[in-house]
Amino acid sequence: MNKAIFAAGCFWGVQEIFDSVPGVLKTTVGYTGGTTTQPTYETICTGTTSHAEAIEIEFDTSMTSFNELLKVFWTIHDPTTKNRQGPDIGTQYRSAIFFFNNQQKLDAEQYKLQLNKEKYNEKIVTEIIKSSIFYPAEDYHQNYNKRTKEKYGFS
């Protein structure tokens, strides 16, 4: 088992998509990349914590790879939009990859470089930064799209 953390806008839709990827064993939505300890949804919405809404993914490397997860990540949001995805605006909705090791960092940087040249004309703003403490979001955010009829983020 391995882990990955991505931020690609509102975490509700992101979680639903990654939950459908073969080899993904568990997903948890939460907050990471900021300066506040024990952030809450209310505090990150102020824009003062530097945290992003993110998803922590546990995956089986015999069934999927980090590169396969990167492929999904890059296709489910607009990596050229700074601090915004769809109607959601603020630093908490930024595009970011939080790597756990040098191989993940290298893979993410290579994928970003390739996409920047081939598709986005050097406009990708996605951050690639070392993972830090991941704070799980409140229970009512976990598996939100599965529990409600409203399909937020990628319906």
N, C-alpha and C. Protein backbone atom coordinates (compact mmCIF):
# COMPACT_ATOMS: atom_id res chain seq x y z
N MET A 1 0.83 -1.18 0.00
CA MET A 1 0.00 0.00 0.00
C MET A 1 0.88 1.24 0.00
N ASN A 2 0.39 2.28 -0.68
CA ASN A 2 1.08 3.55 -0.79
C ASN A 2 0.08 4.67 -0.59
N LYS A 3 0.57 5.90 -0.44
CA LYS A 3 -0.30 7.05 -0.27
C LYS A 3 0.02 8.13 -1.28
N ALA A 4 -1.02 8.91 -1.60
CA ALA A 4 -0.89 10.11 -2.42
C ALA A 4 -1.84 11.15 -1.85
N ILE A 5 -1.48 12.43 -2.00
CA ILE A 5 -2.36 13.52 -1.61
C ILE A 5 -2.43 14.52 -2.75
N PHE A 6 -3.68 14.83 -3.16
CA PHE A 6 -3.92 15.79 -4.23
C PHE A 6 -4.92 16.83 -3.78
N ALA A 7 -4.77 18.05 -4.30
CA ALA A 7 -5.76 19.11 -4.13
C ALA A 7 -6.17 19.55 -5.53
N ALA A 8 -7.48 19.53 -5.79
CA ALA A 8 -7.98 19.85 -7.13
C ALA A 8 -9.34 20.53 -7.04
N GLY A 9 -9.48 21.46 -6.11
CA GLY A 9 -10.77 22.12 -5.91
C GLY A 9 -11.54 21.48 -4.78
N CYS A 10 -12.85 21.63 -4.81
CA CYS A 10 -13.69 21.06 -3.77
C CYS A 10 -13.46 19.56 -3.66
N PHE A 11 -13.20 19.09 -2.47
CA PHE A 11 -12.82 17.68 -2.31
C PHE A 11 -13.95 16.69 -2.47
N TRP A 12 -15.19 17.12 -2.47
CA TRP A 12 -16.32 16.18 -2.59
C TRP A 12 -16.29 15.43 -3.91
N GLY A 13 -16.21 16.15 -5.01
CA GLY A 13 -16.18 15.50 -6.32
C GLY A 13 -14.90 14.74 -6.57
N VAL A 14 -13.80 15.29 -6.08
CA VAL A 14 -12.50 14.63 -6.24
C VAL A 14 -12.52 13.27 -5.56
N GLN A 15 -13.08 13.20 -4.37
CA GLN A 15 -13.16 11.94 -3.66
C GLN A 15 -13.99 10.92 -4.43
N GLU A 16 -15.12 11.35 -4.94
CA GLU A 16 -15.98 10.42 -5.68
C GLU A 16 -15.25 9.82 -6.89
N ILE A 17 -14.50 10.64 -7.58
CA ILE A 17 -13.78 10.15 -8.76
C ILE A 17 -12.68 9.16 -8.35
N PHE A 18 -11.87 9.52 -7.38
CA PHE A 18 -10.78 8.62 -6.99
C PHE A 18 -11.29 7.33 -6.35
N ASP A 19 -12.44 7.38 -5.71
CA ASP A 19 -13.01 6.16 -5.15
C ASP A 19 -13.34 5.13 -6.23
N SER A 20 -13.52 5.58 -7.45
CA SER A 20 -13.88 4.67 -8.55
C SER A 20 -12.66 4.10 -9.28
N VAL A 21 -11.46 4.52 -8.90
CA VAL A 21 -10.25 4.05 -9.57
C VAL A 21 -9.86 2.67 -9.01
N PRO A 22 -9.73 1.66 -9.88
CA PRO A 22 -9.29 0.34 -9.40
C PRO A 22 -7.93 0.45 -8.69
N GLY A 23 -7.83 -0.19 -7.55
CA GLY A 23 -6.60 -0.16 -6.78
C GLY A 23 -6.61 0.86 -5.66
N VAL A 24 -7.56 1.79 -5.70
CA VAL A 24 -7.69 2.74 -4.60
C VAL A 24 -8.44 2.04 -3.48
N LEU A 25 -7.78 1.94 -2.34
CA LEU A 25 -8.33 1.21 -1.21
C LEU A 25 -9.15 2.09 -0.27
N LYS A 26 -8.71 3.34 -0.13
CA LYS A 26 -9.37 4.24 0.82
C LYS A 26 -9.07 5.67 0.42
N THR A 27 -10.06 6.54 0.58
CA THR A 27 -9.85 7.97 0.40
C THR A 27 -10.38 8.70 1.63
N THR A 28 -9.71 9.78 1.97
CA THR A 28 -10.13 10.63 3.07
C THR A 28 -9.98 12.07 2.62
N VAL A 29 -11.03 12.88 2.79
CA VAL A 29 -10.90 14.29 2.48
C VAL A 29 -10.44 15.04 3.71
N GLY A 30 -9.69 16.11 3.46
CA GLY A 30 -9.16 16.87 4.58
C GLY A 30 -8.42 18.11 4.14
N TYR A 31 -7.57 18.58 5.03
CA TYR A 31 -6.87 19.84 4.83
C TYR A 31 -5.36 19.62 5.02
N THR A 32 -4.56 20.26 4.16
CA THR A 32 -3.11 20.12 4.27
C THR A 32 -2.43 21.30 3.58
N GLY A 33 -1.16 21.45 3.88
CA GLY A 33 -0.35 22.45 3.20
C GLY A 33 -0.38 23.82 3.84
N GLY A 34 -0.96 23.93 5.01
CA GLY A 34 -1.10 25.23 5.65
C GLY A 34 -0.33 25.37 6.94
N THR A 35 -0.63 26.44 7.64
CA THR A 35 0.12 26.79 8.83
C THR A 35 -0.67 26.61 10.13
N THR A 36 -1.96 26.44 10.04
CA THR A 36 -2.80 26.32 11.22
C THR A 36 -2.88 24.87 11.67
N THR A 37 -2.75 24.64 12.97
CA THR A 37 -2.94 23.28 13.48
C THR A 37 -4.42 23.05 13.72
N GLN A 38 -4.85 21.82 13.47
CA GLN A 38 -6.24 21.41 13.65
C GLN A 38 -7.23 22.34 12.91
N PRO A 39 -7.02 22.55 11.61
CA PRO A 39 -7.94 23.42 10.88
C PRO A 39 -9.32 22.79 10.78
N THR A 40 -10.31 23.62 10.62
CA THR A 40 -11.69 23.19 10.39
C THR A 40 -12.14 23.79 9.07
N TYR A 41 -13.26 23.31 8.58
CA TYR A 41 -13.80 23.87 7.34
C TYR A 41 -14.01 25.38 7.49
N GLU A 42 -14.53 25.79 8.62
CA GLU A 42 -14.78 27.21 8.84
C GLU A 42 -13.48 28.02 8.82
N THR A 43 -12.42 27.49 9.40
CA THR A 43 -11.17 28.27 9.42
C THR A 43 -10.49 28.30 8.06
N ILE A 44 -10.54 27.21 7.30
CA ILE A 44 -9.88 27.26 6.00
C ILE A 44 -10.63 28.16 5.03
N CYS A 45 -11.94 28.30 5.22
CA CYS A 45 -12.73 29.17 4.35
C CYS A 45 -12.41 30.65 4.55
N THR A 46 -11.72 30.99 5.62
CA THR A 46 -11.33 32.38 5.83
C THR A 46 -10.19 32.78 4.90
N GLY A 47 -9.48 31.78 4.35
CA GLY A 47 -8.35 32.06 3.48
C GLY A 47 -7.09 32.45 4.22
N THR A 48 -7.07 32.27 5.52
CA THR A 48 -5.91 32.70 6.31
C THR A 48 -5.05 31.54 6.82
N THR A 49 -5.43 30.29 6.52
CA THR A 49 -4.71 29.14 7.08
C THR A 49 -3.67 28.58 6.12
N SER A 50 -3.74 28.92 4.85
CA SER A 50 -2.89 28.38 3.78
C SER A 50 -3.16 26.92 3.47
N HIS A 51 -4.15 26.30 4.12
CA HIS A 51 -4.49 24.92 3.84
C HIS A 51 -5.29 24.80 2.55
N ALA A 52 -5.17 23.67 1.90
CA ALA A 52 -5.97 23.34 0.72
C ALA A 52 -6.93 22.23 1.08
N GLU A 53 -8.10 22.25 0.45
CA GLU A 53 -8.98 21.08 0.52
C GLU A 53 -8.28 20.01 -0.30
N ALA A 54 -8.07 18.85 0.28
CA ALA A 54 -7.28 17.82 -0.38
C ALA A 54 -7.87 16.44 -0.12
N ILE A 55 -7.35 15.48 -0.84
CA ILE A 55 -7.77 14.10 -0.65
C ILE A 55 -6.53 13.24 -0.45
N GLU A 56 -6.56 12.45 0.61
CA GLU A 56 -5.50 11.47 0.87
C GLU A 56 -5.98 10.14 0.33
N ILE A 57 -5.16 9.53 -0.49
CA ILE A 57 -5.52 8.29 -1.16
C ILE A 57 -4.57 7.19 -0.72
N GLU A 58 -5.13 6.07 -0.29
CA GLU A 58 -4.34 4.88 -0.03
C GLU A 58 -4.61 3.94 -1.20
N PHE A 59 -3.52 3.46 -1.82
CA PHE A 59 -3.69 2.63 -3.00
C PHE A 59 -2.75 1.44 -3.00
N ASP A 60 -3.19 0.40 -3.68
CA ASP A 60 -2.45 -0.85 -3.81
C ASP A 60 -1.59 -0.76 -5.06
N THR A 61 -0.28 -0.74 -4.89
CA THR A 61 0.63 -0.56 -6.03
C THR A 61 0.64 -1.77 -6.98
N SER A 62 0.07 -2.88 -6.56
CA SER A 62 -0.02 -4.02 -7.47
C SER A 62 -1.21 -3.85 -8.43
N MET A 63 -2.09 -2.89 -8.13
CA MET A 63 -3.28 -2.66 -8.96
C MET A 63 -3.26 -1.33 -9.70
N THR A 64 -2.60 -0.35 -9.15
CA THR A 64 -2.49 0.96 -9.79
C THR A 64 -1.20 1.61 -9.34
N SER A 65 -0.77 2.58 -10.09
CA SER A 65 0.49 3.26 -9.79
C SER A 65 0.24 4.73 -9.46
N PHE A 66 1.24 5.36 -8.90
CA PHE A 66 1.15 6.79 -8.65
C PHE A 66 0.94 7.53 -9.97
N ASN A 67 1.60 7.08 -11.03
CA ASN A 67 1.43 7.73 -12.34
C ASN A 67 0.00 7.61 -12.86
N GLU A 68 -0.65 6.49 -12.59
CA GLU A 68 -2.06 6.35 -12.98
C GLU A 68 -2.93 7.33 -12.21
N LEU A 69 -2.62 7.51 -10.93
CA LEU A 69 -3.36 8.48 -10.14
C LEU A 69 -3.10 9.90 -10.63
N LEU A 70 -1.86 10.18 -11.02
CA LEU A 70 -1.55 11.49 -11.60
C LEU A 70 -2.37 11.74 -12.86
N LYS A 71 -2.51 10.71 -13.68
CA LYS A 71 -3.30 10.84 -14.92
C LYS A 71 -4.73 11.28 -14.59
N VAL A 72 -5.31 10.65 -13.59
CA VAL A 72 -6.66 11.02 -13.17
C VAL A 72 -6.66 12.46 -12.65
N PHE A 73 -5.73 12.78 -11.77
CA PHE A 73 -5.63 14.11 -11.19
C PHE A 73 -5.60 15.20 -12.26
N TRP A 74 -4.74 15.03 -13.25
CA TRP A 74 -4.58 16.07 -14.26
C TRP A 74 -5.81 16.23 -15.15
N THR A 75 -6.65 15.19 -15.23
CA THR A 75 -7.81 15.28 -16.13
C THR A 75 -9.10 15.74 -15.44
N ILE A 76 -9.12 15.82 -14.13
CA ILE A 76 -10.39 16.14 -13.45
C ILE A 76 -10.52 17.60 -13.05
N HIS A 77 -9.52 18.41 -13.32
CA HIS A 77 -9.61 19.83 -12.97
C HIS A 77 -8.77 20.66 -13.93
N ASP A 78 -8.86 21.97 -13.80
CA ASP A 78 -8.08 22.87 -14.64
C ASP A 78 -6.82 23.29 -13.89
N PRO A 79 -5.67 22.72 -14.24
CA PRO A 79 -4.44 23.03 -13.51
C PRO A 79 -3.83 24.39 -13.88
N THR A 80 -4.51 25.14 -14.76
CA THR A 80 -4.00 26.46 -15.15
C THR A 80 -4.70 27.59 -14.40
N THR A 81 -5.65 27.24 -13.55
CA THR A 81 -6.41 28.25 -12.82
C THR A 81 -5.88 28.35 -11.40
N LYS A 82 -5.37 29.51 -11.05
CA LYS A 82 -4.78 29.70 -9.72
C LYS A 82 -5.88 29.97 -8.68
N ASN A 83 -5.87 29.17 -7.63
CA ASN A 83 -6.77 29.37 -6.49
C ASN A 83 -8.24 29.41 -6.88
N ARG A 84 -8.59 28.55 -7.83
CA ARG A 84 -9.99 28.49 -8.24
C ARG A 84 -10.24 27.22 -9.03
N GLN A 85 -11.39 26.60 -8.76
CA GLN A 85 -11.89 25.51 -9.59
C GLN A 85 -13.40 25.71 -9.70
N GLY A 86 -13.87 25.92 -10.90
CA GLY A 86 -15.29 26.17 -11.11
C GLY A 86 -15.75 27.36 -10.30
N PRO A 87 -16.85 27.21 -9.56
CA PRO A 87 -17.38 28.35 -8.79
C PRO A 87 -16.64 28.59 -7.47
N ASP A 88 -15.73 27.70 -7.11
CA ASP A 88 -15.04 27.78 -5.82
C ASP A 88 -13.76 28.60 -5.96
N ILE A 89 -13.65 29.67 -5.18
CA ILE A 89 -12.53 30.59 -5.27
C ILE A 89 -11.84 30.71 -3.92
N GLY A 90 -10.52 30.68 -3.93
CA GLY A 90 -9.73 30.86 -2.72
C GLY A 90 -8.54 29.93 -2.72
N THR A 91 -7.57 30.23 -1.89
CA THR A 91 -6.36 29.41 -1.83
C THR A 91 -6.66 27.97 -1.43
N GLN A 92 -7.76 27.75 -0.71
CA GLN A 92 -8.12 26.40 -0.29
C GLN A 92 -8.53 25.53 -1.48
N TYR A 93 -8.78 26.13 -2.65
CA TYR A 93 -9.19 25.38 -3.84
C TYR A 93 -8.07 25.29 -4.87
N ARG A 94 -6.85 25.54 -4.47
CA ARG A 94 -5.72 25.52 -5.41
C ARG A 94 -5.42 24.10 -5.88
N SER A 95 -4.69 24.04 -6.96
CA SER A 95 -4.23 22.77 -7.51
C SER A 95 -2.86 22.44 -6.93
N ALA A 96 -2.73 21.25 -6.33
CA ALA A 96 -1.46 20.89 -5.71
C ALA A 96 -1.30 19.38 -5.62
N ILE A 97 -0.05 18.97 -5.69
CA ILE A 97 0.35 17.59 -5.45
C ILE A 97 1.29 17.63 -4.26
N PHE A 98 0.94 16.88 -3.22
CA PHE A 98 1.75 16.82 -2.01
C PHE A 98 2.48 15.47 -2.01
N PHE A 99 3.76 15.49 -2.35
CA PHE A 99 4.51 14.24 -2.52
C PHE A 99 5.04 13.71 -1.20
N PHE A 100 5.15 12.37 -1.15
CA PHE A 100 5.67 11.69 0.04
C PHE A 100 7.14 11.30 -0.07
N ASN A 101 7.63 11.20 -1.30
CA ASN A 101 9.02 10.77 -1.49
C ASN A 101 9.56 11.36 -2.79
N ASN A 102 10.84 11.19 -3.01
CA ASN A 102 11.49 11.77 -4.18
C ASN A 102 10.95 11.21 -5.49
N GLN A 103 10.56 9.94 -5.51
CA GLN A 103 10.02 9.36 -6.74
C GLN A 103 8.69 10.01 -7.10
N GLN A 104 7.82 10.22 -6.11
CA GLN A 104 6.56 10.91 -6.39
C GLN A 104 6.82 12.33 -6.88
N LYS A 105 7.77 13.01 -6.27
CA LYS A 105 8.11 14.37 -6.70
C LYS A 105 8.57 14.37 -8.15
N LEU A 106 9.48 13.47 -8.48
CA LEU A 106 10.01 13.38 -9.84
C LEU A 106 8.91 13.04 -10.84
N ASP A 107 8.07 12.07 -10.51
CA ASP A 107 6.98 11.68 -11.41
C ASP A 107 6.02 12.85 -11.64
N ALA A 108 5.67 13.56 -10.57
CA ALA A 108 4.75 14.70 -10.69
C ALA A 108 5.37 15.81 -11.53
N GLU A 109 6.65 16.11 -11.29
CA GLU A 109 7.32 17.16 -12.06
C GLU A 109 7.43 16.80 -13.53
N GLN A 110 7.75 15.54 -13.83
CA GLN A 110 7.86 15.11 -15.22
C GLN A 110 6.51 15.17 -15.93
N TYR A 111 5.46 14.73 -15.26
CA TYR A 111 4.12 14.76 -15.84
C TYR A 111 3.70 16.21 -16.10
N LYS A 112 3.96 17.09 -15.13
CA LYS A 112 3.62 18.50 -15.28
C LYS A 112 4.38 19.13 -16.45
N LEU A 113 5.65 18.85 -16.55
CA LEU A 113 6.47 19.38 -17.64
C LEU A 113 5.94 18.93 -19.00
N GLN A 114 5.62 17.65 -19.10
CA GLN A 114 5.09 17.11 -20.35
C GLN A 114 3.76 17.78 -20.73
N LEU A 115 2.85 17.88 -19.78
CA LEU A 115 1.55 18.51 -20.05
C LEU A 115 1.69 19.99 -20.38
N ASN A 116 2.61 20.66 -19.70
CA ASN A 116 2.83 22.07 -19.97
C ASN A 116 3.27 22.29 -21.42
N LYS A 117 4.10 21.41 -21.91
CA LYS A 117 4.60 21.53 -23.30
C LYS A 117 3.54 21.11 -24.31
N GLU A 118 2.87 19.99 -24.05
CA GLU A 118 1.99 19.39 -25.05
C GLU A 118 0.58 19.95 -25.06
N LYS A 119 0.08 20.40 -23.91
CA LYS A 119 -1.33 20.76 -23.84
C LYS A 119 -1.60 22.18 -23.34
N TYR A 120 -0.82 22.65 -22.36
CA TYR A 120 -1.18 23.89 -21.69
C TYR A 120 -0.29 25.08 -21.99
N ASN A 121 0.66 24.95 -22.89
CA ASN A 121 1.49 26.08 -23.31
C ASN A 121 2.13 26.82 -22.13
N GLU A 122 2.71 26.04 -21.21
CA GLU A 122 3.45 26.59 -20.06
C GLU A 122 2.58 27.38 -19.09
N LYS A 123 1.33 27.00 -18.91
CA LYS A 123 0.42 27.76 -18.05
C LYS A 123 0.00 27.02 -16.78
N ILE A 124 0.50 25.83 -16.54
CA ILE A 124 0.10 25.08 -15.34
C ILE A 124 0.61 25.77 -14.08
N VAL A 125 -0.28 25.95 -13.11
CA VAL A 125 0.07 26.60 -11.85
C VAL A 125 0.07 25.62 -10.67
N THR A 126 -0.14 24.35 -10.94
CA THR A 126 -0.19 23.33 -9.89
C THR A 126 1.10 23.34 -9.08
N GLU A 127 0.96 23.38 -7.77
CA GLU A 127 2.11 23.31 -6.88
C GLU A 127 2.50 21.86 -6.67
N ILE A 128 3.79 21.59 -6.60
CA ILE A 128 4.29 20.27 -6.25
C ILE A 128 5.17 20.48 -5.02
N ILE A 129 4.63 20.06 -3.87
CA ILE A 129 5.31 20.36 -2.60
C ILE A 129 5.31 19.14 -1.68
N LYS A 130 6.27 19.13 -0.79
CA LYS A 130 6.39 18.01 0.16
C LYS A 130 5.15 17.94 1.04
N SER A 131 4.69 16.72 1.25
CA SER A 131 3.52 16.54 2.10
C SER A 131 3.83 16.97 3.53
N SER A 132 2.81 17.44 4.17
CA SER A 132 2.92 17.84 5.57
C SER A 132 1.76 17.17 6.31
N ILE A 133 1.45 17.62 7.46
CA ILE A 133 0.38 17.00 8.23
C ILE A 133 -0.93 17.10 7.46
N PHE A 134 -1.61 15.98 7.36
CA PHE A 134 -2.93 15.91 6.74
C PHE A 134 -3.95 15.81 7.84
N TYR A 135 -4.88 16.76 7.85
CA TYR A 135 -5.94 16.78 8.87
C TYR A 135 -7.24 16.31 8.22
N PRO A 136 -7.77 15.17 8.61
CA PRO A 136 -9.06 14.74 8.05
C PRO A 136 -10.14 15.78 8.30
N ALA A 137 -10.97 15.97 7.30
CA ALA A 137 -12.09 16.92 7.42
C ALA A 137 -13.16 16.33 8.34
N GLU A 138 -14.08 17.16 8.71
CA GLU A 138 -15.19 16.76 9.55
C GLU A 138 -15.96 15.61 8.90
N ASP A 139 -16.60 14.79 9.72
CA ASP A 139 -17.32 13.61 9.23
C ASP A 139 -18.32 13.94 8.14
N TYR A 140 -19.02 15.07 8.24
CA TYR A 140 -20.05 15.37 7.25
C TYR A 140 -19.48 15.64 5.86
N HIS A 141 -18.17 15.84 5.75
CA HIS A 141 -17.54 16.02 4.44
C HIS A 141 -17.12 14.68 3.81
N GLN A 142 -16.93 13.66 4.63
CA GLN A 142 -16.44 12.38 4.12
C GLN A 142 -17.52 11.72 3.25
N ASN A 143 -17.14 11.33 2.05
CA ASN A 143 -18.05 10.66 1.11
C ASN A 143 -19.34 11.45 0.88
N TYR A 144 -19.23 12.76 0.83
CA TYR A 144 -20.39 13.63 0.71
C TYR A 144 -21.24 13.28 -0.51
N ASN A 145 -20.61 13.15 -1.68
CA ASN A 145 -21.38 12.87 -2.90
C ASN A 145 -22.08 11.52 -2.85
N LYS A 146 -21.52 10.56 -2.17
CA LYS A 146 -22.16 9.24 -2.05
C LYS A 146 -23.38 9.29 -1.14
N ARG A 147 -23.35 10.17 -0.17
CA ARG A 147 -24.42 10.23 0.82
C ARG A 147 -25.56 11.16 0.44
N THR A 148 -25.36 12.00 -0.56
CA THR A 148 -26.40 12.97 -0.92
C THR A 148 -26.80 12.80 -2.38
N LYS A 149 -27.94 13.30 -2.72
CA LYS A 149 -28.39 13.26 -4.11
C LYS A 149 -27.69 14.32 -4.94
N GLU A 150 -27.26 15.39 -4.28
CA GLU A 150 -26.51 16.44 -4.97
C GLU A 150 -25.12 15.91 -5.30
N LYS A 151 -24.73 16.00 -6.55
CA LYS A 151 -23.40 15.55 -6.97
C LYS A 151 -22.55 16.77 -7.25
N TYR A 152 -21.86 17.24 -6.24
CA TYR A 152 -21.10 18.46 -6.36
C TYR A 152 -19.72 18.20 -6.93
N GLY A 153 -19.34 19.00 -7.91
CA GLY A 153 -17.97 19.00 -8.35
C GLY A 153 -17.70 18.33 -9.67
N PHE A 154 -18.44 17.34 -10.08
CA PHE A 154 -18.15 16.67 -11.34
C PHE A 154 -19.35 15.90 -11.85
N SER A 155 -20.53 16.46 -11.71
CA SER A 155 -21.73 15.72 -12.09
C SER A 155 -21.98 15.75 -13.58
